């Protein structure tokens, strides 16, 4: 996976797409995670959910399923579906970079979710390709990174102690 930098305009487009998917799929929750398990963005009610754990477990699920795929001679499985008593989870890889997760219940259907995810996946793939291109151009032009790029979460925590 090539590295990319997420700029504010692309982040806004991602958030807008997740909100649109949330509404159109009649989902309970939609979120986007990188393959390392870091939550990128979400739409829906996340108050009762440990999103950090859910993001990490989702990435682990993709990694484990990738191992199964390799054992079966597949590159990977790009879509996963888990059906529960109350809630269902649709998981899909986007642009081979991030994981899109849709949590839904009986108010929606797998068919509707799959249709809406397909459309959102195309839109999100375009956004990630553009970010990749922007990052590549910036590296080629040797643009100096933002002075804020080096600030870590630890630095911020120390500042407010």
N, C-alpha and C. Protein backbone atom coordinates (compact mmCIF):
# COMPACT_ATOMS: atom_id res chain seq x y z
N UNK A 1 0.85 -1.17 0.00
CA UNK A 1 0.00 0.00 0.00
C UNK A 1 0.89 1.23 0.00
N UNK A 2 0.69 2.10 -0.97
CA UNK A 2 1.47 3.32 -1.01
C UNK A 2 0.90 4.31 0.00
N UNK A 3 1.79 5.16 0.52
CA UNK A 3 1.36 6.14 1.50
C UNK A 3 0.72 7.32 0.80
N UNK A 4 -0.15 7.98 1.52
CA UNK A 4 -0.78 9.18 0.99
C UNK A 4 -1.04 10.13 2.14
N UNK A 5 -1.22 11.37 1.80
CA UNK A 5 -1.54 12.39 2.78
C UNK A 5 -3.00 12.79 2.56
N UNK A 6 -3.74 12.87 3.65
CA UNK A 6 -5.14 13.26 3.54
C UNK A 6 -5.25 14.76 3.83
N UNK A 7 -5.70 15.48 2.83
CA UNK A 7 -5.90 16.92 2.96
C UNK A 7 -7.35 17.19 3.34
N UNK A 8 -7.61 18.37 3.87
CA UNK A 8 -8.94 18.75 4.34
C UNK A 8 -10.04 18.57 3.27
N UNK A 9 -9.83 19.01 2.02
CA UNK A 9 -10.91 18.85 1.03
C UNK A 9 -11.28 17.38 0.79
N UNK A 10 -10.27 16.51 0.76
CA UNK A 10 -10.56 15.09 0.55
C UNK A 10 -11.25 14.49 1.78
N UNK A 11 -10.82 14.92 2.96
CA UNK A 11 -11.46 14.42 4.18
C UNK A 11 -12.94 14.82 4.20
N UNK A 12 -13.23 16.04 3.80
CA UNK A 12 -14.63 16.49 3.75
C UNK A 12 -15.44 15.65 2.75
N UNK A 13 -14.84 15.35 1.60
CA UNK A 13 -15.54 14.53 0.60
C UNK A 13 -15.80 13.13 1.15
N UNK A 14 -14.86 12.60 1.89
CA UNK A 14 -15.05 11.28 2.50
C UNK A 14 -16.18 11.33 3.51
N UNK A 15 -16.18 12.34 4.36
CA UNK A 15 -17.25 12.48 5.35
C UNK A 15 -18.62 12.62 4.67
N UNK A 16 -18.68 13.42 3.62
CA UNK A 16 -19.95 13.60 2.90
C UNK A 16 -20.42 12.28 2.30
N UNK A 17 -19.50 11.53 1.73
CA UNK A 17 -19.87 10.24 1.13
C UNK A 17 -20.37 9.26 2.19
N UNK A 18 -19.73 9.24 3.34
CA UNK A 18 -20.17 8.34 4.41
C UNK A 18 -21.56 8.74 4.91
N UNK A 19 -21.81 10.04 5.03
CA UNK A 19 -23.14 10.51 5.45
C UNK A 19 -24.20 10.12 4.42
N UNK A 20 -23.86 10.27 3.15
CA UNK A 20 -24.79 9.91 2.08
C UNK A 20 -25.09 8.41 2.13
N UNK A 21 -24.06 7.60 2.27
CA UNK A 21 -24.24 6.15 2.36
C UNK A 21 -25.08 5.79 3.59
N UNK A 22 -24.79 6.41 4.70
CA UNK A 22 -25.54 6.17 5.94
C UNK A 22 -27.03 6.38 5.71
N UNK A 23 -27.37 7.49 5.06
CA UNK A 23 -28.78 7.81 4.82
C UNK A 23 -29.40 6.90 3.76
N UNK A 24 -28.72 6.74 2.63
CA UNK A 24 -29.30 5.99 1.52
C UNK A 24 -29.40 4.49 1.79
N UNK A 25 -28.52 3.96 2.63
CA UNK A 25 -28.56 2.53 2.95
C UNK A 25 -29.43 2.27 4.18
N UNK A 26 -29.94 3.34 4.79
CA UNK A 26 -30.72 3.23 6.01
C UNK A 26 -29.95 2.45 7.07
N UNK A 27 -28.68 2.81 7.21
CA UNK A 27 -27.77 2.10 8.11
C UNK A 27 -27.85 2.65 9.52
N UNK A 28 -27.32 1.89 10.47
CA UNK A 28 -27.18 2.35 11.84
C UNK A 28 -25.86 3.09 12.01
N UNK A 29 -24.84 2.62 11.29
CA UNK A 29 -23.50 3.18 11.42
C UNK A 29 -22.70 2.86 10.17
N UNK A 30 -21.92 3.82 9.73
CA UNK A 30 -21.00 3.62 8.61
C UNK A 30 -19.66 4.19 9.04
N UNK A 31 -18.60 3.43 8.82
CA UNK A 31 -17.29 4.00 9.14
C UNK A 31 -16.22 3.48 8.19
N UNK A 32 -15.14 4.25 8.13
CA UNK A 32 -14.03 3.96 7.25
C UNK A 32 -12.78 3.82 8.11
N UNK A 33 -12.04 2.74 7.87
CA UNK A 33 -10.88 2.38 8.68
C UNK A 33 -9.71 2.12 7.76
N UNK A 34 -8.49 2.47 8.18
CA UNK A 34 -7.35 2.07 7.37
C UNK A 34 -7.00 0.62 7.70
N UNK A 35 -6.12 0.02 6.93
CA UNK A 35 -5.82 -1.40 7.12
C UNK A 35 -5.07 -1.67 8.42
N UNK A 36 -4.59 -0.62 9.08
CA UNK A 36 -3.93 -0.77 10.37
C UNK A 36 -4.91 -0.68 11.53
N UNK A 37 -6.19 -0.45 11.21
CA UNK A 37 -7.20 -0.40 12.26
C UNK A 37 -7.48 0.98 12.82
N UNK A 38 -6.99 2.02 12.15
CA UNK A 38 -7.24 3.39 12.60
C UNK A 38 -8.53 3.92 11.98
N UNK A 39 -9.42 4.42 12.80
CA UNK A 39 -10.67 5.00 12.32
C UNK A 39 -10.36 6.28 11.57
N UNK A 40 -10.88 6.40 10.34
CA UNK A 40 -10.67 7.60 9.53
C UNK A 40 -11.86 8.54 9.69
N UNK A 41 -13.07 8.01 9.51
CA UNK A 41 -14.28 8.83 9.61
C UNK A 41 -15.47 7.92 9.83
N UNK A 42 -16.57 8.50 10.32
CA UNK A 42 -17.78 7.71 10.54
C UNK A 42 -19.02 8.57 10.37
N UNK A 43 -20.14 7.89 10.20
CA UNK A 43 -21.45 8.55 10.14
C UNK A 43 -22.42 7.65 10.88
N UNK A 44 -23.30 8.27 11.64
CA UNK A 44 -24.26 7.50 12.42
C UNK A 44 -23.98 7.65 13.90
N UNK A 45 -24.72 6.89 14.69
CA UNK A 45 -24.62 7.00 16.14
C UNK A 45 -23.53 6.09 16.66
N UNK A 46 -22.46 6.70 17.16
CA UNK A 46 -21.33 5.93 17.68
C UNK A 46 -21.20 6.04 19.20
N UNK A 47 -22.19 6.64 19.86
CA UNK A 47 -22.09 6.87 21.31
C UNK A 47 -21.98 5.59 22.12
N UNK A 48 -22.69 4.54 21.74
CA UNK A 48 -22.71 3.31 22.52
C UNK A 48 -21.70 2.28 22.03
N UNK A 49 -20.83 2.68 21.10
CA UNK A 49 -19.91 1.73 20.50
C UNK A 49 -18.47 2.19 20.72
N UNK A 50 -17.62 1.25 21.08
CA UNK A 50 -16.19 1.53 21.19
C UNK A 50 -15.64 1.48 19.77
N UNK A 51 -15.58 2.63 19.12
CA UNK A 51 -15.18 2.69 17.71
C UNK A 51 -13.72 2.30 17.52
N UNK A 52 -12.88 2.56 18.51
CA UNK A 52 -11.47 2.18 18.40
C UNK A 52 -11.35 0.66 18.33
N UNK A 53 -12.04 -0.03 19.22
CA UNK A 53 -12.00 -1.50 19.23
C UNK A 53 -12.65 -2.05 17.96
N UNK A 54 -13.76 -1.46 17.56
CA UNK A 54 -14.45 -1.93 16.35
C UNK A 54 -13.57 -1.76 15.12
N UNK A 55 -12.89 -0.63 15.03
CA UNK A 55 -11.99 -0.39 13.89
C UNK A 55 -10.85 -1.40 13.88
N UNK A 56 -10.24 -1.63 15.03
CA UNK A 56 -9.13 -2.59 15.13
C UNK A 56 -9.58 -4.01 14.79
N UNK A 57 -10.72 -4.40 15.32
CA UNK A 57 -11.23 -5.75 15.07
C UNK A 57 -11.61 -5.94 13.60
N UNK A 58 -12.13 -4.89 12.99
CA UNK A 58 -12.48 -4.96 11.57
C UNK A 58 -11.23 -5.16 10.73
N UNK A 59 -10.18 -4.41 11.04
CA UNK A 59 -8.91 -4.57 10.30
C UNK A 59 -8.36 -5.98 10.52
N UNK A 60 -8.48 -6.47 11.74
CA UNK A 60 -8.03 -7.84 12.02
C UNK A 60 -8.83 -8.87 11.26
N UNK A 61 -10.13 -8.61 11.13
CA UNK A 61 -11.01 -9.50 10.37
C UNK A 61 -10.58 -9.55 8.91
N UNK A 62 -10.28 -8.39 8.34
CA UNK A 62 -9.82 -8.32 6.95
C UNK A 62 -8.50 -9.06 6.80
N UNK A 63 -7.59 -8.86 7.76
CA UNK A 63 -6.28 -9.54 7.70
C UNK A 63 -6.45 -11.05 7.78
N UNK A 64 -7.30 -11.51 8.70
CA UNK A 64 -7.52 -12.96 8.85
C UNK A 64 -8.17 -13.54 7.60
N UNK A 65 -9.14 -12.83 7.05
CA UNK A 65 -9.80 -13.30 5.84
C UNK A 65 -8.83 -13.30 4.66
N UNK A 66 -7.91 -12.35 4.65
CA UNK A 66 -6.87 -12.32 3.63
C UNK A 66 -6.00 -13.57 3.69
N UNK A 67 -5.71 -14.01 4.91
CA UNK A 67 -4.95 -15.24 5.09
C UNK A 67 -5.70 -16.45 4.56
N UNK A 68 -6.99 -16.50 4.82
CA UNK A 68 -7.84 -17.60 4.31
C UNK A 68 -7.85 -17.56 2.79
N UNK A 69 -7.99 -16.37 2.23
CA UNK A 69 -8.02 -16.23 0.77
C UNK A 69 -6.74 -16.77 0.14
N UNK A 70 -5.61 -16.43 0.74
CA UNK A 70 -4.33 -16.91 0.21
C UNK A 70 -4.24 -18.43 0.26
N UNK A 71 -4.73 -19.01 1.36
CA UNK A 71 -4.74 -20.47 1.47
C UNK A 71 -5.57 -21.12 0.38
N UNK A 72 -6.60 -20.40 -0.05
CA UNK A 72 -7.49 -20.92 -1.10
C UNK A 72 -7.07 -20.48 -2.50
N UNK A 73 -5.91 -19.80 -2.58
CA UNK A 73 -5.41 -19.39 -3.89
C UNK A 73 -6.06 -18.13 -4.43
N UNK A 74 -6.70 -17.37 -3.57
CA UNK A 74 -7.33 -16.11 -3.96
C UNK A 74 -6.41 -14.95 -3.59
N UNK A 75 -6.56 -13.82 -4.28
CA UNK A 75 -5.80 -12.63 -3.89
C UNK A 75 -6.31 -12.16 -2.53
N UNK A 76 -7.58 -11.88 -2.43
CA UNK A 76 -8.27 -11.58 -1.18
C UNK A 76 -9.76 -11.53 -1.44
N UNK A 77 -10.53 -11.53 -0.38
CA UNK A 77 -11.98 -11.37 -0.50
C UNK A 77 -12.27 -9.90 -0.27
N UNK A 78 -12.86 -9.23 -1.25
CA UNK A 78 -13.04 -7.79 -1.14
C UNK A 78 -14.31 -7.40 -0.39
N UNK A 79 -15.22 -8.36 -0.20
CA UNK A 79 -16.46 -8.07 0.51
C UNK A 79 -16.72 -9.17 1.54
N UNK A 80 -17.06 -8.75 2.76
CA UNK A 80 -17.43 -9.69 3.81
C UNK A 80 -18.80 -9.29 4.35
N UNK A 81 -19.54 -10.28 4.79
CA UNK A 81 -20.86 -10.01 5.37
C UNK A 81 -21.04 -10.88 6.59
N UNK A 82 -21.47 -10.27 7.68
CA UNK A 82 -21.75 -11.01 8.91
C UNK A 82 -23.20 -10.72 9.30
N UNK A 83 -23.95 -11.78 9.52
CA UNK A 83 -25.36 -11.64 9.89
C UNK A 83 -25.54 -12.00 11.35
N UNK A 84 -26.15 -11.11 12.09
CA UNK A 84 -26.42 -11.34 13.51
C UNK A 84 -27.90 -11.39 13.78
N UNK A 85 -28.25 -11.59 15.05
CA UNK A 85 -29.67 -11.63 15.42
C UNK A 85 -30.36 -10.30 15.16
N UNK A 86 -29.68 -9.21 15.54
CA UNK A 86 -30.26 -7.88 15.40
C UNK A 86 -29.57 -7.06 14.32
N UNK A 87 -28.26 -7.11 14.32
CA UNK A 87 -27.48 -6.27 13.41
C UNK A 87 -26.68 -7.12 12.43
N UNK A 88 -26.43 -6.52 11.28
CA UNK A 88 -25.61 -7.13 10.24
C UNK A 88 -24.47 -6.18 9.92
N UNK A 89 -23.37 -6.75 9.45
CA UNK A 89 -22.22 -5.93 9.10
C UNK A 89 -21.77 -6.28 7.69
N UNK A 90 -21.66 -5.26 6.86
CA UNK A 90 -21.14 -5.39 5.50
C UNK A 90 -19.79 -4.69 5.48
N UNK A 91 -18.74 -5.44 5.11
CA UNK A 91 -17.38 -4.91 5.12
C UNK A 91 -16.82 -5.02 3.71
N UNK A 92 -16.22 -3.94 3.22
CA UNK A 92 -15.63 -4.00 1.88
C UNK A 92 -14.33 -3.21 1.83
N UNK A 93 -13.42 -3.72 1.02
CA UNK A 93 -12.15 -3.03 0.78
C UNK A 93 -12.35 -1.97 -0.29
N UNK A 94 -11.80 -0.80 -0.07
CA UNK A 94 -11.92 0.30 -1.01
C UNK A 94 -10.52 0.67 -1.49
N UNK A 95 -10.33 0.62 -2.80
CA UNK A 95 -9.06 1.02 -3.44
C UNK A 95 -7.87 0.25 -2.86
N UNK A 96 -8.10 -0.94 -2.33
CA UNK A 96 -7.05 -1.75 -1.69
C UNK A 96 -6.33 -1.00 -0.59
N UNK A 97 -6.96 0.02 -0.02
CA UNK A 97 -6.31 0.86 0.98
C UNK A 97 -7.07 0.95 2.29
N UNK A 98 -8.37 1.06 2.21
CA UNK A 98 -9.18 1.29 3.40
C UNK A 98 -10.35 0.31 3.43
N UNK A 99 -10.98 0.24 4.60
CA UNK A 99 -12.08 -0.69 4.82
C UNK A 99 -13.34 0.12 5.12
N UNK A 100 -14.38 -0.15 4.37
CA UNK A 100 -15.67 0.50 4.57
C UNK A 100 -16.58 -0.48 5.30
N UNK A 101 -17.16 -0.03 6.41
CA UNK A 101 -18.02 -0.89 7.22
C UNK A 101 -19.39 -0.25 7.34
N UNK A 102 -20.42 -1.06 7.06
CA UNK A 102 -21.80 -0.60 7.20
C UNK A 102 -22.49 -1.54 8.18
N UNK A 103 -22.99 -0.98 9.27
CA UNK A 103 -23.75 -1.74 10.25
C UNK A 103 -25.22 -1.40 10.02
N UNK A 104 -26.04 -2.44 9.83
CA UNK A 104 -27.46 -2.18 9.57
C UNK A 104 -28.31 -3.26 10.23
N UNK A 105 -29.61 -2.96 10.36
CA UNK A 105 -30.53 -3.91 10.97
C UNK A 105 -31.68 -4.19 10.02
N UNK A 106 -32.81 -4.65 10.56
CA UNK A 106 -33.95 -5.06 9.73
C UNK A 106 -34.61 -3.90 8.98
N UNK A 107 -34.27 -2.66 9.32
CA UNK A 107 -34.83 -1.51 8.60
C UNK A 107 -34.26 -1.39 7.19
N UNK A 108 -33.19 -2.13 6.93
CA UNK A 108 -32.56 -2.12 5.62
C UNK A 108 -32.44 -3.56 5.13
N UNK A 109 -31.83 -3.74 3.97
CA UNK A 109 -31.64 -5.09 3.45
C UNK A 109 -30.23 -5.21 2.87
N UNK A 110 -29.75 -6.42 2.78
CA UNK A 110 -28.43 -6.65 2.22
C UNK A 110 -28.35 -6.14 0.78
N UNK A 111 -29.41 -6.34 0.02
CA UNK A 111 -29.42 -5.88 -1.37
C UNK A 111 -29.27 -4.38 -1.48
N UNK A 112 -30.00 -3.66 -0.65
CA UNK A 112 -29.91 -2.19 -0.66
C UNK A 112 -28.52 -1.74 -0.22
N UNK A 113 -28.00 -2.36 0.83
CA UNK A 113 -26.67 -1.99 1.32
C UNK A 113 -25.62 -2.25 0.24
N UNK A 114 -25.69 -3.41 -0.40
CA UNK A 114 -24.70 -3.73 -1.45
C UNK A 114 -24.76 -2.72 -2.59
N UNK A 115 -25.98 -2.35 -3.00
CA UNK A 115 -26.14 -1.37 -4.08
C UNK A 115 -25.54 -0.03 -3.69
N UNK A 116 -25.86 0.44 -2.50
CA UNK A 116 -25.37 1.75 -2.05
C UNK A 116 -23.86 1.72 -1.80
N UNK A 117 -23.35 0.61 -1.27
CA UNK A 117 -21.91 0.49 -1.04
C UNK A 117 -21.16 0.51 -2.37
N UNK A 118 -21.71 -0.13 -3.37
CA UNK A 118 -21.04 -0.15 -4.68
C UNK A 118 -20.86 1.27 -5.21
N UNK A 119 -21.91 2.07 -5.10
CA UNK A 119 -21.82 3.46 -5.57
C UNK A 119 -20.84 4.27 -4.72
N UNK A 120 -20.90 4.10 -3.42
CA UNK A 120 -19.99 4.84 -2.53
C UNK A 120 -18.55 4.39 -2.74
N UNK A 121 -18.34 3.11 -2.98
CA UNK A 121 -16.99 2.59 -3.21
C UNK A 121 -16.35 3.26 -4.42
N UNK A 122 -17.13 3.45 -5.46
CA UNK A 122 -16.61 4.13 -6.65
C UNK A 122 -16.19 5.56 -6.33
N UNK A 123 -17.03 6.25 -5.59
CA UNK A 123 -16.74 7.63 -5.22
C UNK A 123 -15.52 7.71 -4.29
N UNK A 124 -15.46 6.84 -3.29
CA UNK A 124 -14.34 6.84 -2.36
C UNK A 124 -13.04 6.44 -3.05
N UNK A 125 -13.12 5.51 -3.99
CA UNK A 125 -11.93 5.11 -4.75
C UNK A 125 -11.37 6.30 -5.50
N UNK A 126 -12.23 7.11 -6.11
CA UNK A 126 -11.77 8.31 -6.81
C UNK A 126 -11.05 9.26 -5.84
N UNK A 127 -11.62 9.44 -4.66
CA UNK A 127 -11.01 10.34 -3.67
C UNK A 127 -9.62 9.82 -3.28
N UNK A 128 -9.51 8.53 -3.02
CA UNK A 128 -8.21 7.98 -2.60
C UNK A 128 -7.19 8.00 -3.73
N UNK A 129 -7.63 7.80 -4.95
CA UNK A 129 -6.71 7.91 -6.08
C UNK A 129 -6.20 9.35 -6.22
N UNK A 130 -7.10 10.32 -6.02
CA UNK A 130 -6.70 11.72 -6.09
C UNK A 130 -5.71 12.07 -4.98
N UNK A 131 -5.94 11.53 -3.79
CA UNK A 131 -5.01 11.77 -2.68
C UNK A 131 -3.64 11.19 -3.00
N UNK A 132 -3.65 9.99 -3.55
CA UNK A 132 -2.41 9.34 -3.94
C UNK A 132 -1.65 10.18 -4.98
N UNK A 133 -2.39 10.67 -5.98
CA UNK A 133 -1.78 11.51 -7.02
C UNK A 133 -1.21 12.79 -6.43
N UNK A 134 -1.98 13.44 -5.55
CA UNK A 134 -1.54 14.67 -4.90
C UNK A 134 -0.26 14.43 -4.11
N UNK A 135 -0.23 13.33 -3.38
CA UNK A 135 0.94 13.00 -2.57
C UNK A 135 2.15 12.74 -3.46
N UNK A 136 1.95 12.02 -4.55
CA UNK A 136 3.06 11.71 -5.47
C UNK A 136 3.61 12.99 -6.08
N UNK A 137 2.72 13.88 -6.54
CA UNK A 137 3.14 15.15 -7.13
C UNK A 137 3.91 15.98 -6.11
N UNK A 138 3.40 16.03 -4.88
CA UNK A 138 4.08 16.81 -3.84
C UNK A 138 5.48 16.26 -3.59
N UNK A 139 5.62 14.95 -3.59
CA UNK A 139 6.95 14.35 -3.38
C UNK A 139 7.87 14.65 -4.56
N UNK A 140 7.32 14.56 -5.76
CA UNK A 140 8.13 14.82 -6.95
C UNK A 140 8.59 16.27 -6.99
N UNK A 141 7.73 17.17 -6.54
CA UNK A 141 8.08 18.59 -6.52
C UNK A 141 8.87 18.94 -5.27
N UNK A 142 9.04 17.97 -4.42
CA UNK A 142 9.77 18.15 -3.16
C UNK A 142 9.22 19.34 -2.37
N UNK A 143 7.92 19.38 -2.30
CA UNK A 143 7.25 20.42 -1.52
C UNK A 143 7.53 20.16 -0.05
N UNK A 144 7.86 21.22 0.65
CA UNK A 144 8.10 21.08 2.08
C UNK A 144 6.80 20.70 2.77
N UNK A 145 6.85 19.70 3.65
CA UNK A 145 5.63 19.31 4.36
C UNK A 145 5.20 20.41 5.32
N UNK A 146 3.97 20.35 5.71
CA UNK A 146 3.43 21.30 6.66
C UNK A 146 4.21 21.22 7.97
N UNK A 147 4.46 22.34 8.62
CA UNK A 147 5.17 22.29 9.91
C UNK A 147 4.37 21.53 10.97
N UNK A 148 3.08 21.37 10.73
CA UNK A 148 2.22 20.66 11.68
C UNK A 148 2.25 19.15 11.46
N UNK A 149 2.85 18.70 10.38
CA UNK A 149 2.87 17.28 10.06
C UNK A 149 3.65 16.47 11.09
N UNK A 150 4.59 17.12 11.77
CA UNK A 150 5.42 16.42 12.74
C UNK A 150 4.80 16.36 14.13
N UNK A 151 3.72 17.05 14.34
CA UNK A 151 3.08 17.08 15.65
C UNK A 151 2.35 15.75 15.86
N UNK A 152 2.64 15.13 16.99
CA UNK A 152 2.02 13.83 17.30
C UNK A 152 0.91 14.02 18.33
N UNK A 153 0.13 12.98 18.54
CA UNK A 153 -0.90 13.00 19.58
C UNK A 153 -0.27 13.22 20.95
N UNK A 154 0.92 12.64 21.13
CA UNK A 154 1.65 12.80 22.39
C UNK A 154 1.98 14.27 22.64
N UNK A 155 2.43 14.96 21.58
CA UNK A 155 2.75 16.39 21.70
C UNK A 155 1.52 17.18 22.12
N UNK A 156 0.39 16.86 21.55
CA UNK A 156 -0.86 17.57 21.87
C UNK A 156 -1.25 17.29 23.31
N UNK A 157 -1.16 16.00 23.74
CA UNK A 157 -1.48 15.65 25.12
C UNK A 157 -0.60 16.43 26.10
N UNK A 158 0.71 16.52 25.80
CA UNK A 158 1.66 17.22 26.66
C UNK A 158 1.30 18.70 26.76
N UNK A 159 0.84 19.25 25.66
CA UNK A 159 0.51 20.66 25.61
C UNK A 159 -0.63 21.00 26.56
N UNK A 160 -1.59 20.08 26.72
CA UNK A 160 -2.78 20.35 27.52
C UNK A 160 -2.70 19.79 28.93
N UNK A 161 -1.54 19.32 29.32
CA UNK A 161 -1.39 18.80 30.70
C UNK A 161 -1.14 19.91 31.67
